[in-house]
């Protein structure tokens, strides 16, 4: 096994909460399609209930396993230790594939909102170039070190949330002219749940940096629960404010928060929400580079990737080769469209998430004495029960994915093909791998 360099434990509680906020949420941006598909009342119910079925079980799992196994690579390390190298490789494969579709979304979001300020920069080649610049900025930011990313995430989070705090205040005091809430003739509840799941997913991304977090056994459970509450509140309050203000949800689409803010607070608030959208795109790209780039580093440590991926910056300790390689791959995928990315992302992410819940149960049985300062409720049966809600929601997503096409195949079919490729790649490269200890 290659000799991996030691990383520095320098990230504290508040920066970890802020980084997790961007890995999962990035604010209310992205909820517009949920409101349009379900209307306000149903949207609020979905946003209030989903954290208990989807977010908190995952947050509990991450809190327990990140504290018990605080190593770079996070979920990859858990699955490899619990289920062996084959399933560890599949976990990493599914996560990195999901990152390709996931990371094409957030620079696109930045470009979408930039285009409302400077339309020529949001179209065609200019839009792709701006997206590539966003990825490059996030890569350089990450090479500057995890402390730089963590501190900047706190400031970006506060700047992003300010326009929505102002929007909420305006909504409580005035109603835009003609703003009667429409009565929807049809509701796409499955589509709405899929959008909400996407907006609430990504908690395990925070696990991959566990080797760089101060006192992870104590900090991770607090950070996960704190971030889960923060994200739910940040979603519920602006949607409730828009409902109280009487803004029609029927025509909502990505970017409609700008029109809602302008109607409530005037042009300045609309521009503030535009700026917040750009901050959302940049902040999420930045935080997810931090997360995803640690997976190739961990795989190189186990011999699945060349040892060059183990190189770290001599001053900051950042795995710069892994960061640059991931950034190049994501930039190549920027031309993919926004709409078709979400379902494929959820399908691939869902496969990796189920492996993580299985690892939680297996480690409860096989290593009951593994030090766990925080333990999710219940024994092995309780750990298994945590995965029931997420699994049920993923089944709903698969049903939806069967009807959505991604090119010549359905989103579900493409996800299955990409997942099976991981099995082929593993066995094609297996003879070149060293024996890997799961200790």
Protein backbone atom coordinates (compact mmCIF):
# COMPACT_ATOMS: atom_id res chain seq x y z
CA UNK A 1 0.00 0.00 0.00
CA UNK A 2 1.40 3.47 -0.85
CA UNK A 3 2.64 5.48 2.11
CA UNK A 4 0.01 8.20 2.52
CA UNK A 5 1.09 11.55 3.97
CA UNK A 6 -0.45 12.75 7.20
CA UNK A 7 -3.13 15.43 6.96
CA UNK A 8 -3.71 18.26 9.42
CA UNK A 9 -6.74 18.34 11.74
CA UNK A 10 -7.64 22.02 11.49
CA UNK A 11 -11.42 22.32 10.83
CA UNK A 12 -13.67 23.32 13.75
CA UNK A 13 -17.41 23.07 14.46
CA UNK A 14 -18.80 26.24 12.82
CA UNK A 15 -16.74 25.90 9.61
CA UNK A 16 -17.81 22.23 9.37
CA UNK A 17 -21.49 23.24 9.74
CA UNK A 18 -21.04 25.92 7.06
CA UNK A 19 -19.21 23.55 4.69
CA UNK A 20 -21.91 20.90 5.24
CA UNK A 21 -24.59 23.52 4.57
CA UNK A 22 -23.08 24.10 1.12
CA UNK A 23 -22.50 20.38 0.48
CA UNK A 24 -26.19 19.74 1.11
CA UNK A 25 -28.15 22.91 0.49
CA UNK A 26 -26.72 26.27 -0.52
CA UNK A 27 -29.96 27.96 0.54
CA UNK A 28 -33.50 27.98 -0.94
CA UNK A 29 -32.23 28.08 -4.52
CA UNK A 30 -33.53 24.95 -6.24
CA UNK A 31 -36.85 24.85 -4.37
CA UNK A 32 -38.70 26.68 -7.14
CA UNK A 33 -39.53 23.47 -9.03
CA UNK A 34 -40.82 21.90 -5.80
CA UNK A 35 -43.24 24.80 -5.24
CA UNK A 36 -44.35 24.73 -8.87
CA UNK A 37 -45.01 20.97 -8.85
CA UNK A 38 -46.80 20.76 -5.49
CA UNK A 39 -48.07 24.20 -4.51
CA UNK A 40 -47.21 25.90 -1.22
CA UNK A 41 -49.09 23.75 1.29
CA UNK A 42 -47.84 20.43 -0.06
CA UNK A 43 -44.34 21.84 -0.55
CA UNK A 44 -44.20 22.90 3.10
CA UNK A 45 -45.42 19.47 4.24
CA UNK A 46 -42.79 17.72 2.09
CA UNK A 47 -40.05 20.06 3.37
CA UNK A 48 -41.13 19.53 6.99
CA UNK A 49 -41.49 15.74 6.84
CA UNK A 50 -38.59 14.78 4.57
CA UNK A 51 -35.81 15.67 7.07
CA UNK A 52 -37.14 13.02 9.48
CA UNK A 53 -37.24 10.33 6.77
CA UNK A 54 -34.24 11.34 4.64
CA UNK A 55 -31.92 13.85 6.33
CA UNK A 56 -31.76 12.91 10.01
CA UNK A 57 -31.17 9.16 9.46
CA UNK A 58 -28.27 10.01 7.17
CA UNK A 59 -26.98 12.67 9.56
CA UNK A 60 -27.08 10.16 12.44
CA UNK A 61 -25.16 7.62 10.35
CA UNK A 62 -22.53 10.19 9.35
CA UNK A 63 -22.20 11.40 12.93
CA UNK A 64 -21.58 7.86 14.22
CA UNK A 65 -19.26 6.53 11.53
CA UNK A 66 -17.25 9.73 10.99
CA UNK A 67 -16.54 9.80 14.71
CA UNK A 68 -15.74 6.09 14.90
CA UNK A 69 -13.57 6.06 11.74
CA UNK A 70 -12.28 9.63 11.30
CA UNK A 71 -10.23 9.06 8.14
CA UNK A 72 -9.83 10.76 4.77
CA UNK A 73 -12.24 9.18 2.32
CA UNK A 74 -15.14 8.90 4.77
CA UNK A 75 -17.90 6.71 3.30
CA UNK A 76 -15.40 4.85 1.11
CA UNK A 77 -13.46 3.85 4.24
CA UNK A 78 -16.64 2.72 6.06
CA UNK A 79 -17.86 0.49 3.24
CA UNK A 80 -14.40 -0.98 2.56
CA UNK A 81 -13.93 -1.82 6.22
CA UNK A 82 -17.41 -3.33 6.63
CA UNK A 83 -17.87 -5.10 3.29
CA UNK A 84 -14.39 -5.47 1.79
CA UNK A 85 -12.45 -3.93 -1.13
CA UNK A 86 -14.97 -4.83 -3.87
CA UNK A 87 -17.85 -2.96 -2.27
CA UNK A 88 -15.53 -0.18 -1.13
CA UNK A 89 -14.55 0.31 -4.76
CA UNK A 90 -18.23 0.33 -5.84
CA UNK A 91 -18.98 2.94 -3.19
CA UNK A 92 -16.21 5.17 -4.50
CA UNK A 93 -17.21 4.52 -8.13
CA UNK A 94 -20.87 5.45 -7.55
CA UNK A 95 -19.91 8.53 -5.53
CA UNK A 96 -17.43 9.81 -8.11
CA UNK A 97 -19.90 9.17 -10.94
CA UNK A 98 -22.59 11.03 -9.02
CA UNK A 99 -20.13 13.88 -8.52
CA UNK A 100 -19.77 14.27 -12.30
CA UNK A 101 -23.50 14.92 -12.66
CA UNK A 102 -23.70 16.81 -9.36
CA UNK A 103 -20.78 19.13 -10.03
CA UNK A 104 -22.11 20.06 -13.47
CA UNK A 105 -25.11 21.63 -11.71
CA UNK A 106 -23.55 24.26 -9.44
CA UNK A 107 -21.31 26.17 -11.85
CA UNK A 108 -24.36 26.13 -14.16
CA UNK A 109 -26.37 27.70 -11.31
CA UNK A 110 -23.74 30.45 -10.98
CA UNK A 111 -23.95 31.10 -14.73
CA UNK A 112 -27.76 31.13 -14.62
CA UNK A 113 -27.83 33.96 -12.08
CA UNK A 114 -24.89 35.82 -13.62
CA UNK A 115 -26.87 35.82 -16.85
CA UNK A 116 -29.57 37.92 -15.15
CA UNK A 117 -26.98 40.65 -14.56
CA UNK A 118 -25.00 40.23 -17.80
CA UNK A 119 -26.98 38.15 -20.32
CA UNK A 120 -24.05 37.79 -22.73
CA UNK A 121 -22.04 35.97 -20.04
CA UNK A 122 -24.76 33.42 -19.38
CA UNK A 123 -25.14 32.02 -22.88
CA UNK A 124 -23.28 29.61 -25.16
CA UNK A 125 -19.51 29.51 -25.04
CA UNK A 126 -19.34 32.42 -22.62
CA UNK A 127 -21.50 30.51 -20.15
CA UNK A 128 -19.31 27.42 -20.43
CA UNK A 129 -16.18 29.53 -19.97
CA UNK A 130 -17.60 31.19 -16.86
CA UNK A 131 -18.54 27.75 -15.47
CA UNK A 132 -14.98 26.55 -16.07
CA UNK A 133 -13.65 29.63 -14.26
CA UNK A 134 -15.90 28.84 -11.26
CA UNK A 135 -14.51 25.29 -11.09
CA UNK A 136 -10.94 26.62 -11.37
CA UNK A 137 -11.55 29.17 -8.59
CA UNK A 138 -12.92 26.45 -6.32
CA UNK A 139 -9.92 24.21 -7.08
CA UNK A 140 -7.45 26.98 -6.21
CA UNK A 141 -9.45 27.81 -3.08
CA UNK A 142 -9.23 24.17 -1.99
CA UNK A 143 -5.50 23.96 -2.69
CA UNK A 144 -5.17 26.89 -0.26
CA UNK A 145 -6.30 24.45 2.44
CA UNK A 146 -9.31 23.22 4.36
CA UNK A 147 -9.21 26.14 6.82
CA UNK A 148 -9.53 28.61 3.93
CA UNK A 149 -12.54 26.70 2.60
CA UNK A 150 -14.16 26.36 6.04
CA UNK A 151 -13.80 30.05 7.00
CA UNK A 152 -14.96 31.27 3.59
CA UNK A 153 -17.99 28.96 3.80
CA UNK A 154 -19.12 30.73 6.98
CA UNK A 155 -18.94 34.17 5.30
CA UNK A 156 -20.55 32.96 2.08
CA UNK A 157 -23.39 31.34 4.03
CA UNK A 158 -24.19 34.55 5.90
CA UNK A 159 -24.05 36.62 2.70
CA UNK A 160 -26.33 34.15 0.90
CA UNK A 161 -28.97 34.07 3.65
CA UNK A 162 -29.26 37.86 4.09
CA UNK A 163 -31.50 38.45 1.00
CA UNK A 164 -33.90 35.70 2.14
CA UNK A 165 -34.08 37.16 5.63
CA UNK A 166 -35.02 40.50 4.04
CA UNK A 167 -37.51 38.77 1.71
CA UNK A 168 -39.19 37.15 4.71
CA UNK A 169 -39.51 40.49 6.53
CA UNK A 170 -41.02 42.18 3.46
CA UNK A 171 -43.43 39.27 2.93
CA UNK A 172 -44.79 39.64 6.45
CA UNK A 173 -45.63 43.29 5.88
CA UNK A 174 -46.90 43.57 2.34
CA UNK A 175 -48.52 41.60 -0.47
CA UNK A 176 -47.69 42.25 -4.13
CA UNK A 177 -50.52 43.52 -6.28
CA UNK A 178 -52.54 40.74 -7.85
CA UNK A 179 -50.72 38.10 -5.82
CA UNK A 180 -53.48 35.59 -5.27
CA UNK A 181 -52.31 32.02 -4.77
CA UNK A 182 -53.53 29.82 -7.63
CA UNK A 183 -55.44 26.58 -7.11
CA UNK A 184 -53.57 23.85 -8.96
CA UNK A 185 -55.54 21.53 -11.20
CA UNK A 186 -52.82 18.85 -11.12
CA UNK A 187 -50.02 18.00 -8.73
CA UNK A 188 -46.79 16.15 -9.55
CA UNK A 189 -46.11 14.85 -6.05
CA UNK A 190 -43.48 12.28 -7.06
CA UNK A 191 -41.63 14.95 -9.02
CA UNK A 192 -41.89 17.31 -6.05
CA UNK A 193 -40.49 14.68 -3.66
CA UNK A 194 -37.59 14.00 -6.06
CA UNK A 195 -36.73 17.72 -6.13
CA UNK A 196 -36.92 17.90 -2.33
CA UNK A 197 -34.71 14.81 -1.96
CA UNK A 198 -32.11 16.42 -4.19
CA UNK A 199 -32.24 19.58 -2.08
CA UNK A 200 -31.82 17.55 1.11
CA UNK A 201 -29.12 15.10 0.00
CA UNK A 202 -25.35 15.13 0.46
CA UNK A 203 -24.87 14.71 4.22
CA UNK A 204 -22.31 11.95 3.75
CA UNK A 205 -20.15 14.30 1.66
CA UNK A 206 -18.97 15.86 4.91
CA UNK A 207 -17.47 12.50 5.95
CA UNK A 208 -14.65 12.46 3.40
CA UNK A 209 -12.74 15.22 5.25
CA UNK A 210 -12.92 13.49 8.66
CA UNK A 211 -9.14 13.18 8.78
CA UNK A 212 -8.88 16.99 8.81
CA UNK A 213 -11.52 17.78 11.46
CA UNK A 214 -10.60 18.67 15.04
CA UNK A 215 -11.89 16.17 17.64
CA UNK A 216 -14.17 14.44 15.10
CA UNK A 217 -15.78 12.15 17.69
CA UNK A 218 -17.28 15.20 19.40
CA UNK A 219 -17.71 17.63 16.51
CA UNK A 220 -19.30 15.49 13.79
CA UNK A 221 -22.55 14.58 15.58
CA UNK A 222 -23.07 18.22 16.61
CA UNK A 223 -22.26 19.51 13.14
CA UNK A 224 -24.60 17.06 11.39
CA UNK A 225 -27.58 17.76 13.65
CA UNK A 226 -26.90 21.51 13.61
CA UNK A 227 -26.65 21.58 9.83
CA UNK A 228 -29.82 19.46 9.45
CA UNK A 229 -31.85 21.91 11.54
CA UNK A 230 -30.31 24.91 9.75
CA UNK A 231 -31.10 23.57 6.27
CA UNK A 232 -34.72 22.72 7.16
CA UNK A 233 -35.30 26.19 8.62
CA UNK A 234 -33.66 27.90 5.65
CA UNK A 235 -36.03 26.01 3.33
CA UNK A 236 -39.27 26.34 5.27
CA UNK A 237 -39.23 30.04 6.19
CA UNK A 238 -38.82 31.59 2.71
CA UNK A 239 -41.39 29.24 1.15
CA UNK A 240 -43.85 30.05 3.94
CA UNK A 241 -43.13 33.77 3.45
CA UNK A 242 -43.88 33.53 -0.28
CA UNK A 243 -47.15 31.77 0.53
CA UNK A 244 -48.14 34.43 3.07
CA UNK A 245 -47.33 37.14 0.50
CA UNK A 246 -49.72 35.51 -1.97
CA UNK A 247 -47.21 34.95 -4.78
CA UNK A 248 -48.65 32.62 -7.43
CA UNK A 249 -46.66 29.32 -7.43
CA UNK A 250 -47.97 28.21 -10.84
CA UNK A 251 -45.33 29.85 -13.07
CA UNK A 252 -42.38 29.23 -10.74
CA UNK A 253 -39.21 27.84 -12.26
CA UNK A 254 -35.48 27.98 -11.51
CA UNK A 255 -34.68 31.64 -10.81
CA UNK A 256 -38.17 32.68 -9.69
CA UNK A 257 -36.88 33.75 -6.28
CA UNK A 258 -35.52 36.83 -8.09
CA UNK A 259 -38.95 37.88 -9.33
CA UNK A 260 -40.51 37.16 -5.92
CA UNK A 261 -37.89 39.28 -4.16
CA UNK A 262 -38.26 42.16 -6.63
CA UNK A 263 -42.03 42.09 -6.25
CA UNK A 264 -41.75 42.25 -2.46
CA UNK A 265 -38.74 44.49 -1.84
CA UNK A 266 -38.01 46.21 -5.11
CA UNK A 267 -35.15 45.99 -7.57
CA UNK A 268 -32.42 46.08 -4.92
CA UNK A 269 -33.74 42.92 -3.24
CA UNK A 270 -34.07 41.18 -6.60
CA UNK A 271 -30.43 41.98 -7.33
CA UNK A 272 -29.45 40.78 -3.86
CA UNK A 273 -31.10 37.42 -4.55
CA UNK A 274 -29.27 37.26 -7.90
CA UNK A 275 -25.97 37.85 -6.07
CA UNK A 276 -27.00 35.18 -3.55
CA UNK A 277 -27.60 32.73 -6.38
CA UNK A 278 -24.07 33.31 -7.64
CA UNK A 279 -22.77 32.83 -4.08
CA UNK A 280 -24.79 29.60 -3.87
CA UNK A 281 -23.22 28.24 -7.06
CA UNK A 282 -19.70 29.20 -6.00
CA UNK A 283 -20.10 28.06 -2.39
CA UNK A 284 -21.51 24.66 -3.32
CA UNK A 285 -18.84 24.09 -5.96
CA UNK A 286 -16.17 25.06 -3.44
CA UNK A 287 -17.47 22.82 -0.64
CA UNK A 288 -18.06 19.82 -2.91
CA UNK A 289 -14.56 20.04 -4.38
CA UNK A 290 -13.42 19.77 -0.76
CA UNK A 291 -15.49 16.62 -0.31
CA UNK A 292 -15.17 14.73 -3.59
CA UNK A 293 -11.44 15.31 -4.09
CA UNK A 294 -10.68 13.32 -0.92
CA UNK A 295 -12.09 10.12 -2.46
CA UNK A 296 -9.38 9.65 -5.15
CA UNK A 297 -6.80 10.46 -2.44
CA UNK A 298 -8.16 7.61 -0.26
CA UNK A 299 -8.37 5.24 -3.24
CA UNK A 300 -4.74 5.97 -4.13
CA UNK A 301 -3.79 5.20 -0.54
CA UNK A 302 -5.30 1.73 -1.08
CA UNK A 303 -3.64 1.23 -4.46
CA UNK A 304 -6.73 1.66 -6.66
CA UNK A 305 -5.32 4.82 -8.24
CA UNK A 306 -1.74 5.93 -9.04
CA UNK A 307 0.36 7.13 -6.13
CA UNK A 308 0.50 10.60 -7.71
CA UNK A 309 -2.96 11.22 -6.22
CA UNK A 310 -1.36 11.10 -2.77
CA UNK A 311 0.63 14.27 -3.34
CA UNK A 312 -0.33 17.06 -0.97
CA UNK A 313 0.56 20.74 -0.88
CA UNK A 314 3.60 21.17 1.39
CA UNK A 315 2.09 24.11 3.30
CA UNK A 316 -1.65 23.48 3.36
CA UNK A 317 -1.76 19.67 3.24
CA UNK A 318 -4.40 19.77 0.48
CA UNK A 319 -4.35 16.77 -1.95
CA UNK A 320 -3.68 19.03 -4.90
CA UNK A 321 -3.26 16.36 -7.60
CA UNK A 322 -6.63 14.85 -6.73
CA UNK A 323 -8.22 18.32 -6.67
CA UNK A 324 -6.84 19.25 -10.09
CA UNK A 325 -7.77 15.89 -11.67
CA UNK A 326 -11.35 16.12 -10.38
CA UNK A 327 -11.67 19.74 -11.50
CA UNK A 328 -10.60 18.83 -15.04
CA UNK A 329 -13.16 15.97 -15.19
CA UNK A 330 -15.98 18.20 -13.93
CA UNK A 331 -15.11 20.97 -16.38
CA UNK A 332 -15.36 18.53 -19.30
CA UNK A 333 -18.91 17.66 -18.17
CA UNK A 334 -20.21 21.24 -17.94
CA UNK A 335 -22.04 21.11 -21.32
CA UNK A 336 -24.55 18.60 -19.83
CA UNK A 337 -27.98 20.20 -19.39
CA UNK A 338 -29.42 21.11 -15.96
CA UNK A 339 -32.79 19.32 -16.02
CA UNK A 340 -31.58 15.80 -16.87
CA UNK A 341 -28.83 15.86 -14.25
CA UNK A 342 -30.92 15.72 -11.08
CA UNK A 343 -32.56 12.27 -11.43
CA UNK A 344 -29.35 10.57 -12.59
CA UNK A 345 -27.53 12.21 -9.68
CA UNK A 346 -30.09 10.89 -7.16
CA UNK A 347 -30.05 7.35 -8.62
CA UNK A 348 -26.25 7.04 -8.41
CA UNK A 349 -26.08 8.76 -5.03
CA UNK A 350 -28.86 6.50 -3.76
CA UNK A 351 -26.87 3.37 -4.58
CA UNK A 352 -23.87 4.64 -2.62
CA UNK A 353 -26.09 5.77 0.29
CA UNK A 354 -27.65 2.31 0.67
CA UNK A 355 -24.17 0.78 0.84
CA UNK A 356 -23.36 3.19 3.67
CA UNK A 357 -26.42 2.16 5.69
CA UNK A 358 -25.49 -1.49 5.15
CA UNK A 359 -21.98 -0.69 6.40
CA UNK A 360 -23.47 0.94 9.51
CA UNK A 361 -25.39 -2.26 10.33
CA UNK A 362 -22.48 -4.60 9.53
CA UNK A 363 -20.06 -2.61 11.70
CA UNK A 364 -22.55 -2.65 14.58
CA UNK A 365 -22.53 -6.46 14.38
CA UNK A 366 -18.90 -7.19 13.44
CA UNK A 367 -17.22 -4.48 15.55
CA UNK A 368 -19.49 -3.74 18.53
CA UNK A 369 -16.50 -2.47 20.54
CA UNK A 370 -15.43 0.11 17.92
CA UNK A 371 -15.16 3.39 19.90
CA UNK A 372 -18.33 5.39 19.24
CA UNK A 373 -18.72 8.55 21.31
CA UNK A 374 -21.96 9.15 19.42
CA UNK A 375 -24.22 6.23 18.52
CA UNK A 376 -27.37 6.44 16.41
CA UNK A 377 -30.44 5.19 18.32
CA UNK A 378 -30.90 1.43 18.73
CA UNK A 379 -28.68 -1.60 18.19
CA UNK A 380 -28.19 -3.36 14.84
CA UNK A 381 -31.97 -3.44 14.33
CA UNK A 382 -32.21 0.27 15.08
CA UNK A 383 -29.36 0.95 12.67
CA UNK A 384 -31.18 -1.06 9.98
CA UNK A 385 -34.39 0.87 10.68
CA UNK A 386 -32.59 4.14 9.96
CA UNK A 387 -32.16 3.07 6.34
CA UNK A 388 -35.82 2.17 5.74
CA UNK A 389 -37.02 5.73 5.08
CA UNK A 390 -34.22 6.65 2.66
CA UNK A 391 -34.65 3.30 0.85
CA UNK A 392 -38.40 3.88 0.41
CA UNK A 393 -37.80 7.36 -1.00
CA UNK A 394 -35.21 5.98 -3.40
CA UNK A 395 -37.74 3.45 -4.68
CA UNK A 396 -40.09 6.36 -5.46
CA UNK A 397 -37.24 8.07 -7.31
CA UNK A 398 -36.57 4.91 -9.33
CA UNK A 399 -40.24 4.81 -10.33
CA UNK A 400 -39.94 8.40 -11.49
CA UNK A 401 -36.63 7.71 -13.23
CA UNK A 402 -38.23 4.99 -15.34
CA UNK A 403 -40.30 7.63 -17.15
CA UNK A 404 -37.61 10.29 -17.56
CA UNK A 405 -35.27 9.94 -20.53
CA UNK A 406 -31.57 10.84 -20.60
CA UNK A 407 -30.73 10.60 -24.28
CA UNK A 408 -31.71 7.24 -25.85
CA UNK A 409 -32.31 5.53 -22.47
CA UNK A 410 -34.26 6.33 -19.32
CA UNK A 411 -32.51 7.96 -16.37
CA UNK A 412 -32.90 4.67 -14.46
CA UNK A 413 -31.39 2.69 -17.34
CA UNK A 414 -28.42 5.05 -17.63
CA UNK A 415 -27.84 4.90 -13.87
CA UNK A 416 -27.88 1.08 -13.96
CA UNK A 417 -25.44 0.96 -16.88
CA UNK A 418 -23.03 3.34 -15.18
CA UNK A 419 -23.27 1.38 -11.93
CA UNK A 420 -22.49 -1.94 -13.63
CA UNK A 421 -19.43 -0.39 -15.26
CA UNK A 422 -17.95 -0.16 -11.76
CA UNK A 423 -18.04 -3.95 -11.46
CA UNK A 424 -16.27 -4.33 -14.82
CA UNK A 425 -13.63 -1.74 -13.96
CA UNK A 426 -12.94 -3.37 -10.58
CA UNK A 427 -12.29 -6.83 -11.99
CA UNK A 428 -10.36 -5.42 -14.98
CA UNK A 429 -7.92 -3.69 -12.64
CA UNK A 430 -8.00 -6.14 -9.72
CA UNK A 431 -4.82 -7.99 -10.63
CA UNK A 432 -2.87 -4.74 -10.38
CA UNK A 433 -4.05 -4.00 -6.83
CA UNK A 434 -2.17 -4.88 -3.65
CA UNK A 435 -3.85 -6.76 -0.84
CA UNK A 436 -5.76 -4.22 1.21
CA UNK A 437 -6.17 -4.49 4.93
CA UNK A 438 -9.58 -3.50 6.30
CA UNK A 439 -8.20 -2.72 9.74
